[in-house]
Amino acid sequence: MSNETPGPKPTTSIPANRPRFAFMDTVEAAALLKSDRLAVLKYVEEGRLRTFGGKPGNPFLRTEDVEKLAAELQTDQETTLDPKTVHRNDPVRKLRLRLQQDAKWPEIDEAAMRAWAHELDLVSFNRMRQTARETIDRLQLLLKVLDDVEPTRRAKNP
């Protein structure tokens, strides 16, 4: 069973070079609605959008429903936010993308790291050392947050 609707259906909200899927998650819906993920969840709460599976904080929504709401909101609003900026600032999206990139660290061996470090100029070398230390601090904080949230998640899903 495919998630794509048959044939291309060009709309003003989805670029023609991208396949149009029947469903999208709240992050994509937020970009389409020129809003944020929390606003999309509010529309779900209000009954303006209906969910179709997915996770509680990131359910799937019918693309057609989101497009209709976007058109409705566009006529109601005179000022609109840049969807790229809103999408870029979504904390859930930011963390997901960052961790997807960090998951690639095992692909880099020590020899590659040494070769890279030898090529750096002094200013870049010091900045990269500082960035690596700040990254370690952030990842340790992320582990703490995950450890703090784990009991709550386990209680919800026994």
N, C-alpha and C. Protein backbone atom coordinates (compact mmCIF):
# COMPACT_ATOMS: atom_id res chain seq x y z
N MET A 1 0.84 -1.18 0.00
CA MET A 1 0.00 0.00 0.00
C MET A 1 0.89 1.24 0.00
N SER A 2 0.79 2.05 -1.00
CA SER A 2 1.65 3.22 -1.15
C SER A 2 1.02 4.42 -0.47
N ASN A 3 1.86 5.32 -0.02
CA ASN A 3 1.42 6.54 0.63
C ASN A 3 1.25 7.67 -0.38
N GLU A 4 1.65 7.45 -1.62
CA GLU A 4 1.55 8.50 -2.64
C GLU A 4 0.18 8.44 -3.30
N THR A 5 -0.33 9.61 -3.64
CA THR A 5 -1.59 9.64 -4.36
C THR A 5 -1.29 9.43 -5.84
N PRO A 6 -2.19 8.79 -6.58
CA PRO A 6 -1.91 8.50 -7.98
C PRO A 6 -1.80 9.77 -8.82
N GLY A 7 -0.78 9.78 -9.67
CA GLY A 7 -0.61 10.90 -10.61
C GLY A 7 -0.17 12.17 -9.92
N PRO A 8 0.49 13.02 -10.64
CA PRO A 8 0.92 14.29 -10.04
C PRO A 8 -0.27 15.21 -9.83
N LYS A 9 -0.32 15.81 -8.69
CA LYS A 9 -1.38 16.74 -8.38
C LYS A 9 -0.73 18.04 -7.92
N PRO A 10 -0.40 18.91 -8.86
CA PRO A 10 0.30 20.13 -8.46
C PRO A 10 -0.58 21.03 -7.62
N THR A 11 0.02 21.58 -6.58
CA THR A 11 -0.67 22.55 -5.74
C THR A 11 0.25 23.73 -5.55
N THR A 12 -0.30 24.79 -5.01
CA THR A 12 0.55 25.96 -4.76
C THR A 12 1.39 25.76 -3.53
N SER A 13 1.04 24.81 -2.65
CA SER A 13 1.75 24.65 -1.40
C SER A 13 2.88 23.63 -1.46
N ILE A 14 2.81 22.67 -2.36
CA ILE A 14 3.85 21.65 -2.45
C ILE A 14 4.55 21.82 -3.79
N PRO A 15 5.89 21.94 -3.76
CA PRO A 15 6.62 22.13 -5.02
C PRO A 15 6.36 21.00 -6.00
N ALA A 16 6.33 21.33 -7.29
CA ALA A 16 6.02 20.35 -8.33
C ALA A 16 7.09 19.28 -8.44
N ASN A 17 8.33 19.59 -8.05
CA ASN A 17 9.41 18.62 -8.18
C ASN A 17 9.44 17.61 -7.04
N ARG A 18 8.54 17.72 -6.10
CA ARG A 18 8.49 16.82 -4.95
C ARG A 18 7.23 15.97 -5.04
N PRO A 19 7.33 14.65 -4.75
CA PRO A 19 6.13 13.83 -4.81
C PRO A 19 5.12 14.28 -3.76
N ARG A 20 3.88 14.20 -4.11
CA ARG A 20 2.82 14.60 -3.18
C ARG A 20 2.35 13.36 -2.44
N PHE A 21 2.58 13.32 -1.16
CA PHE A 21 2.17 12.19 -0.35
C PHE A 21 0.78 12.45 0.24
N ALA A 22 0.06 11.39 0.51
CA ALA A 22 -1.29 11.51 1.06
C ALA A 22 -1.26 12.01 2.51
N PHE A 23 -0.16 11.73 3.22
CA PHE A 23 -0.05 12.12 4.63
C PHE A 23 1.28 12.81 4.88
N MET A 24 1.31 13.62 5.95
CA MET A 24 2.53 14.30 6.36
C MET A 24 2.56 14.35 7.88
N ASP A 25 3.74 14.60 8.45
CA ASP A 25 3.82 14.72 9.90
C ASP A 25 3.64 16.18 10.30
N THR A 26 3.64 16.44 11.60
CA THR A 26 3.37 17.80 12.08
C THR A 26 4.47 18.78 11.72
N VAL A 27 5.71 18.30 11.59
CA VAL A 27 6.81 19.20 11.21
C VAL A 27 6.58 19.73 9.80
N GLU A 28 6.22 18.83 8.87
CA GLU A 28 5.92 19.26 7.50
C GLU A 28 4.67 20.15 7.48
N ALA A 29 3.67 19.77 8.25
CA ALA A 29 2.43 20.56 8.29
C ALA A 29 2.72 21.97 8.82
N ALA A 30 3.59 22.06 9.81
CA ALA A 30 3.93 23.37 10.37
C ALA A 30 4.57 24.26 9.30
N ALA A 31 5.45 23.69 8.50
CA ALA A 31 6.08 24.46 7.43
C ALA A 31 5.04 24.91 6.41
N LEU A 32 4.13 24.02 6.08
CA LEU A 32 3.09 24.33 5.10
C LEU A 32 2.13 25.41 5.63
N LEU A 33 1.86 25.35 6.93
CA LEU A 33 0.95 26.31 7.54
C LEU A 33 1.66 27.59 7.98
N LYS A 34 2.96 27.65 7.72
CA LYS A 34 3.76 28.81 8.12
C LYS A 34 3.61 29.07 9.61
N SER A 35 3.76 28.00 10.37
CA SER A 35 3.55 28.02 11.81
C SER A 35 4.60 27.14 12.47
N ASP A 36 4.32 26.68 13.66
CA ASP A 36 5.21 25.73 14.31
C ASP A 36 4.44 24.47 14.69
N ARG A 37 5.16 23.48 15.16
CA ARG A 37 4.56 22.18 15.47
C ARG A 37 3.50 22.29 16.55
N LEU A 38 3.72 23.15 17.54
CA LEU A 38 2.75 23.30 18.62
C LEU A 38 1.43 23.88 18.12
N ALA A 39 1.52 24.79 17.15
CA ALA A 39 0.30 25.35 16.56
C ALA A 39 -0.48 24.26 15.82
N VAL A 40 0.24 23.37 15.13
CA VAL A 40 -0.42 22.26 14.42
C VAL A 40 -1.13 21.37 15.42
N LEU A 41 -0.47 21.07 16.54
CA LEU A 41 -1.11 20.24 17.57
C LEU A 41 -2.33 20.94 18.17
N LYS A 42 -2.29 22.26 18.22
CA LYS A 42 -3.45 23.03 18.70
C LYS A 42 -4.60 22.89 17.70
N TYR A 43 -4.30 22.94 16.40
CA TYR A 43 -5.35 22.75 15.39
C TYR A 43 -5.97 21.35 15.51
N VAL A 44 -5.15 20.37 15.87
CA VAL A 44 -5.65 19.01 16.08
C VAL A 44 -6.59 19.00 17.28
N GLU A 45 -6.15 19.63 18.38
CA GLU A 45 -6.97 19.72 19.60
C GLU A 45 -8.32 20.39 19.32
N GLU A 46 -8.28 21.45 18.51
CA GLU A 46 -9.50 22.20 18.18
C GLU A 46 -10.40 21.45 17.21
N GLY A 47 -9.88 20.38 16.61
CA GLY A 47 -10.66 19.61 15.65
C GLY A 47 -10.55 20.14 14.23
N ARG A 48 -9.66 21.07 13.99
CA ARG A 48 -9.50 21.62 12.64
C ARG A 48 -8.68 20.68 11.76
N LEU A 49 -7.89 19.82 12.39
CA LEU A 49 -7.14 18.79 11.68
C LEU A 49 -7.36 17.46 12.40
N ARG A 50 -7.38 16.39 11.62
CA ARG A 50 -7.60 15.05 12.17
C ARG A 50 -6.32 14.24 12.01
N THR A 51 -5.97 13.47 13.04
CA THR A 51 -4.75 12.67 12.99
C THR A 51 -5.04 11.27 12.46
N PHE A 52 -4.01 10.67 11.89
CA PHE A 52 -4.09 9.32 11.33
C PHE A 52 -2.84 8.55 11.75
N GLY A 53 -2.80 8.10 12.99
CA GLY A 53 -1.64 7.36 13.48
C GLY A 53 -0.46 8.26 13.77
N GLY A 54 0.71 7.66 13.82
CA GLY A 54 1.91 8.41 14.17
C GLY A 54 2.11 8.43 15.67
N LYS A 55 2.95 9.32 16.13
CA LYS A 55 3.27 9.42 17.55
C LYS A 55 2.45 10.55 18.17
N PRO A 56 2.21 10.50 19.49
CA PRO A 56 1.39 11.54 20.14
C PRO A 56 1.89 12.96 19.88
N GLY A 57 3.20 13.20 19.92
CA GLY A 57 3.72 14.54 19.68
C GLY A 57 3.98 14.85 18.23
N ASN A 58 3.84 13.85 17.36
CA ASN A 58 4.11 14.05 15.94
C ASN A 58 3.22 13.10 15.11
N PRO A 59 1.91 13.35 15.15
CA PRO A 59 0.99 12.47 14.41
C PRO A 59 1.02 12.75 12.92
N PHE A 60 0.45 11.82 12.16
CA PHE A 60 0.30 12.01 10.72
C PHE A 60 -1.01 12.72 10.45
N LEU A 61 -0.99 13.58 9.45
CA LEU A 61 -2.16 14.36 9.05
C LEU A 61 -2.36 14.18 7.56
N ARG A 62 -3.60 14.24 7.12
CA ARG A 62 -3.89 14.13 5.68
C ARG A 62 -3.41 15.41 5.00
N THR A 63 -2.59 15.27 3.97
CA THR A 63 -2.02 16.40 3.24
C THR A 63 -3.13 17.33 2.73
N GLU A 64 -4.16 16.75 2.19
CA GLU A 64 -5.27 17.54 1.65
C GLU A 64 -5.91 18.42 2.73
N ASP A 65 -6.08 17.87 3.95
CA ASP A 65 -6.66 18.63 5.06
C ASP A 65 -5.76 19.80 5.46
N VAL A 66 -4.46 19.54 5.48
CA VAL A 66 -3.50 20.59 5.86
C VAL A 66 -3.51 21.69 4.80
N GLU A 67 -3.56 21.30 3.53
CA GLU A 67 -3.59 22.30 2.45
C GLU A 67 -4.85 23.16 2.52
N LYS A 68 -5.99 22.54 2.82
CA LYS A 68 -7.24 23.29 2.96
C LYS A 68 -7.15 24.29 4.11
N LEU A 69 -6.60 23.84 5.24
CA LEU A 69 -6.44 24.74 6.38
C LEU A 69 -5.46 25.86 6.04
N ALA A 70 -4.41 25.55 5.32
CA ALA A 70 -3.44 26.58 4.92
C ALA A 70 -4.10 27.64 4.06
N ALA A 71 -4.93 27.20 3.12
CA ALA A 71 -5.64 28.15 2.25
C ALA A 71 -6.60 29.01 3.07
N GLU A 72 -7.28 28.38 4.02
CA GLU A 72 -8.22 29.09 4.89
C GLU A 72 -7.48 30.11 5.75
N LEU A 73 -6.36 29.71 6.32
CA LEU A 73 -5.59 30.61 7.17
C LEU A 73 -4.96 31.75 6.36
N GLN A 74 -4.58 31.45 5.13
CA GLN A 74 -3.95 32.46 4.28
C GLN A 74 -4.93 33.59 4.00
N THR A 75 -6.19 33.26 3.82
CA THR A 75 -7.18 34.31 3.57
C THR A 75 -7.48 35.09 4.85
N ASP A 76 -7.29 34.44 6.01
CA ASP A 76 -7.55 35.10 7.29
C ASP A 76 -6.40 36.00 7.73
N GLN A 77 -5.18 35.68 7.28
CA GLN A 77 -4.00 36.42 7.74
C GLN A 77 -3.48 37.37 6.68
N GLU A 78 -3.11 38.54 7.13
CA GLU A 78 -2.49 39.48 6.19
C GLU A 78 -0.97 39.37 6.28
N THR A 79 -0.46 39.12 7.47
CA THR A 79 0.98 38.96 7.63
C THR A 79 1.27 37.48 7.81
N THR A 80 2.25 37.00 7.09
CA THR A 80 2.62 35.60 7.21
C THR A 80 4.09 35.48 7.54
N LEU A 81 4.44 34.41 8.24
CA LEU A 81 5.82 34.13 8.57
C LEU A 81 6.47 33.36 7.44
N ASP A 82 7.76 33.48 7.33
CA ASP A 82 8.50 32.72 6.34
C ASP A 82 8.53 31.27 6.78
N PRO A 83 7.95 30.33 5.99
CA PRO A 83 7.89 28.93 6.43
C PRO A 83 9.26 28.31 6.62
N LYS A 84 10.27 28.76 5.88
CA LYS A 84 11.61 28.21 6.04
C LYS A 84 12.16 28.55 7.42
N THR A 85 11.89 29.77 7.87
CA THR A 85 12.38 30.19 9.19
C THR A 85 11.66 29.42 10.28
N VAL A 86 10.36 29.29 10.19
CA VAL A 86 9.59 28.57 11.19
C VAL A 86 10.03 27.12 11.23
N HIS A 87 10.16 26.51 10.06
CA HIS A 87 10.56 25.11 9.95
C HIS A 87 11.95 24.91 10.55
N ARG A 88 12.84 25.82 10.25
CA ARG A 88 14.22 25.74 10.72
C ARG A 88 14.29 25.88 12.24
N ASN A 89 13.37 26.62 12.84
CA ASN A 89 13.41 26.88 14.28
C ASN A 89 12.62 25.87 15.11
N ASP A 90 12.01 24.88 14.50
CA ASP A 90 11.27 23.87 15.24
C ASP A 90 12.27 23.03 16.04
N PRO A 91 12.16 23.04 17.39
CA PRO A 91 13.15 22.32 18.20
C PRO A 91 13.17 20.81 17.94
N VAL A 92 12.02 20.22 17.70
CA VAL A 92 11.97 18.78 17.43
C VAL A 92 12.73 18.46 16.15
N ARG A 93 12.49 19.26 15.12
CA ARG A 93 13.18 19.06 13.84
C ARG A 93 14.69 19.26 13.99
N LYS A 94 15.07 20.33 14.72
CA LYS A 94 16.48 20.63 14.91
C LYS A 94 17.21 19.45 15.56
N LEU A 95 16.63 18.93 16.63
CA LEU A 95 17.27 17.83 17.34
C LEU A 95 17.32 16.57 16.49
N ARG A 96 16.24 16.28 15.78
CA ARG A 96 16.22 15.09 14.92
C ARG A 96 17.33 15.17 13.87
N LEU A 97 17.45 16.32 13.21
CA LEU A 97 18.48 16.48 12.18
C LEU A 97 19.88 16.39 12.77
N ARG A 98 20.09 17.01 13.92
CA ARG A 98 21.41 17.00 14.55
C ARG A 98 21.80 15.57 14.90
N LEU A 99 20.88 14.81 15.48
CA LEU A 99 21.21 13.43 15.87
C LEU A 99 21.38 12.52 14.66
N GLN A 100 20.66 12.80 13.58
CA GLN A 100 20.87 12.02 12.36
C GLN A 100 22.29 12.22 11.84
N GLN A 101 22.79 13.45 11.92
CA GLN A 101 24.16 13.71 11.49
C GLN A 101 25.17 13.08 12.46
N ASP A 102 24.90 13.20 13.76
CA ASP A 102 25.82 12.63 14.75
C ASP A 102 25.87 11.11 14.66
N ALA A 103 24.84 10.49 14.18
CA ALA A 103 24.82 9.04 14.04
C ALA A 103 25.85 8.55 13.03
N LYS A 104 26.41 9.47 12.25
CA LYS A 104 27.39 9.10 11.23
C LYS A 104 28.83 9.10 11.75
N TRP A 105 29.06 9.44 13.03
CA TRP A 105 30.42 9.46 13.57
C TRP A 105 31.13 8.13 13.43
N PRO A 106 30.47 6.99 13.59
CA PRO A 106 31.19 5.72 13.43
C PRO A 106 31.82 5.53 12.04
N GLU A 107 31.37 6.30 11.06
CA GLU A 107 31.93 6.21 9.70
C GLU A 107 33.33 6.82 9.62
N ILE A 108 33.71 7.61 10.62
CA ILE A 108 34.99 8.32 10.58
C ILE A 108 35.96 7.64 11.53
N ASP A 109 37.07 7.16 10.99
CA ASP A 109 38.05 6.47 11.83
C ASP A 109 39.10 7.47 12.34
N GLU A 110 39.95 6.99 13.24
CA GLU A 110 40.96 7.85 13.85
C GLU A 110 41.94 8.40 12.83
N ALA A 111 42.31 7.60 11.83
CA ALA A 111 43.25 8.07 10.80
C ALA A 111 42.68 9.28 10.06
N ALA A 112 41.40 9.24 9.75
CA ALA A 112 40.76 10.38 9.07
C ALA A 112 40.77 11.61 9.97
N MET A 113 40.50 11.41 11.26
CA MET A 113 40.52 12.53 12.21
C MET A 113 41.91 13.16 12.28
N ARG A 114 42.93 12.31 12.33
CA ARG A 114 44.31 12.83 12.40
C ARG A 114 44.68 13.59 11.13
N ALA A 115 44.31 13.07 9.99
CA ALA A 115 44.61 13.74 8.72
C ALA A 115 43.92 15.10 8.68
N TRP A 116 42.69 15.15 9.12
CA TRP A 116 41.93 16.40 9.16
C TRP A 116 42.59 17.40 10.11
N ALA A 117 42.96 16.94 11.31
CA ALA A 117 43.56 17.83 12.32
C ALA A 117 44.88 18.42 11.83
N HIS A 118 45.68 17.64 11.09
CA HIS A 118 46.95 18.13 10.56
C HIS A 118 46.76 19.20 9.51
N GLU A 119 45.64 19.23 8.85
CA GLU A 119 45.37 20.20 7.78
C GLU A 119 44.84 21.53 8.31
N LEU A 120 44.41 21.59 9.56
CA LEU A 120 43.82 22.81 10.10
C LEU A 120 44.87 23.88 10.39
N ASP A 121 44.47 25.13 10.14
CA ASP A 121 45.34 26.23 10.56
C ASP A 121 45.12 26.45 12.05
N LEU A 122 45.97 27.25 12.70
CA LEU A 122 45.93 27.41 14.15
C LEU A 122 44.58 27.93 14.65
N VAL A 123 44.02 28.93 13.97
CA VAL A 123 42.75 29.50 14.41
C VAL A 123 41.64 28.44 14.31
N SER A 124 41.58 27.75 13.19
CA SER A 124 40.57 26.71 13.01
C SER A 124 40.78 25.58 14.01
N PHE A 125 42.05 25.22 14.25
CA PHE A 125 42.37 24.14 15.18
C PHE A 125 41.80 24.44 16.56
N ASN A 126 42.04 25.65 17.07
CA ASN A 126 41.55 26.03 18.40
C ASN A 126 40.01 26.11 18.42
N ARG A 127 39.45 26.62 17.35
CA ARG A 127 37.98 26.72 17.28
C ARG A 127 37.34 25.32 17.24
N MET A 128 37.93 24.40 16.51
CA MET A 128 37.38 23.04 16.42
C MET A 128 37.50 22.32 17.76
N ARG A 129 38.59 22.56 18.47
CA ARG A 129 38.75 21.97 19.82
C ARG A 129 37.64 22.49 20.73
N GLN A 130 37.40 23.81 20.68
CA GLN A 130 36.35 24.42 21.49
C GLN A 130 34.97 23.86 21.09
N THR A 131 34.72 23.73 19.80
CA THR A 131 33.45 23.20 19.32
C THR A 131 33.25 21.76 19.79
N ALA A 132 34.32 20.95 19.73
CA ALA A 132 34.23 19.55 20.17
C ALA A 132 33.88 19.48 21.66
N ARG A 133 34.51 20.33 22.46
CA ARG A 133 34.22 20.33 23.91
C ARG A 133 32.78 20.78 24.17
N GLU A 134 32.32 21.82 23.47
CA GLU A 134 30.93 22.28 23.63
C GLU A 134 29.95 21.19 23.20
N THR A 135 30.29 20.47 22.14
CA THR A 135 29.44 19.40 21.65
C THR A 135 29.33 18.28 22.68
N ILE A 136 30.46 17.92 23.29
CA ILE A 136 30.44 16.90 24.34
C ILE A 136 29.53 17.34 25.49
N ASP A 137 29.63 18.61 25.90
CA ASP A 137 28.77 19.13 26.97
C ASP A 137 27.29 19.02 26.59
N ARG A 138 26.96 19.41 25.36
CA ARG A 138 25.57 19.34 24.89
C ARG A 138 25.05 17.90 24.86
N LEU A 139 25.90 16.99 24.37
CA LEU A 139 25.49 15.58 24.29
C LEU A 139 25.33 14.98 25.69
N GLN A 140 26.16 15.40 26.64
CA GLN A 140 25.99 14.94 28.02
C GLN A 140 24.67 15.47 28.59
N LEU A 141 24.33 16.72 28.27
CA LEU A 141 23.05 17.28 28.70
C LEU A 141 21.89 16.51 28.05
N LEU A 142 22.03 16.17 26.78
CA LEU A 142 21.00 15.40 26.09
C LEU A 142 20.80 14.05 26.77
N LEU A 143 21.89 13.38 27.13
CA LEU A 143 21.77 12.11 27.84
C LEU A 143 21.05 12.28 29.18
N LYS A 144 21.35 13.36 29.89
CA LYS A 144 20.67 13.65 31.16
C LYS A 144 19.17 13.83 30.93
N VAL A 145 18.81 14.61 29.91
CA VAL A 145 17.39 14.84 29.60
C VAL A 145 16.71 13.52 29.26
N LEU A 146 17.37 12.70 28.43
CA LEU A 146 16.78 11.40 28.07
C LEU A 146 16.62 10.52 29.30
N ASP A 147 17.61 10.53 30.20
CA ASP A 147 17.51 9.74 31.44
C ASP A 147 16.37 10.25 32.32
N ASP A 148 16.19 11.58 32.36
CA ASP A 148 15.11 12.16 33.17
C ASP A 148 13.73 11.82 32.60
N VAL A 149 13.62 11.77 31.28
CA VAL A 149 12.33 11.54 30.63
C VAL A 149 11.98 10.05 30.55
N GLU A 150 12.98 9.20 30.57
CA GLU A 150 12.75 7.76 30.38
C GLU A 150 11.71 7.16 31.33
N PRO A 151 11.76 7.43 32.65
CA PRO A 151 10.74 6.84 33.53
C PRO A 151 9.31 7.25 33.16
N THR A 152 9.14 8.49 32.75
CA THR A 152 7.82 8.98 32.35
C THR A 152 7.34 8.25 31.10
N ARG A 153 8.22 8.06 30.15
CA ARG A 153 7.86 7.36 28.91
C ARG A 153 7.53 5.90 29.19
N ARG A 154 8.31 5.28 30.08
CA ARG A 154 8.06 3.87 30.44
C ARG A 154 6.71 3.72 31.14
N ALA A 155 6.36 4.71 31.97
CA ALA A 155 5.08 4.65 32.68
C ALA A 155 3.91 4.76 31.72
N LYS A 156 4.08 5.54 30.65
CA LYS A 156 3.01 5.72 29.66
C LYS A 156 2.85 4.48 28.79
N ASN A 157 3.96 3.76 28.51
CA ASN A 157 3.94 2.59 27.64
C ASN A 157 4.48 1.37 28.40
N PRO A 158 3.68 0.79 29.28
CA PRO A 158 4.17 -0.35 30.08
C PRO A 158 4.43 -1.58 29.25
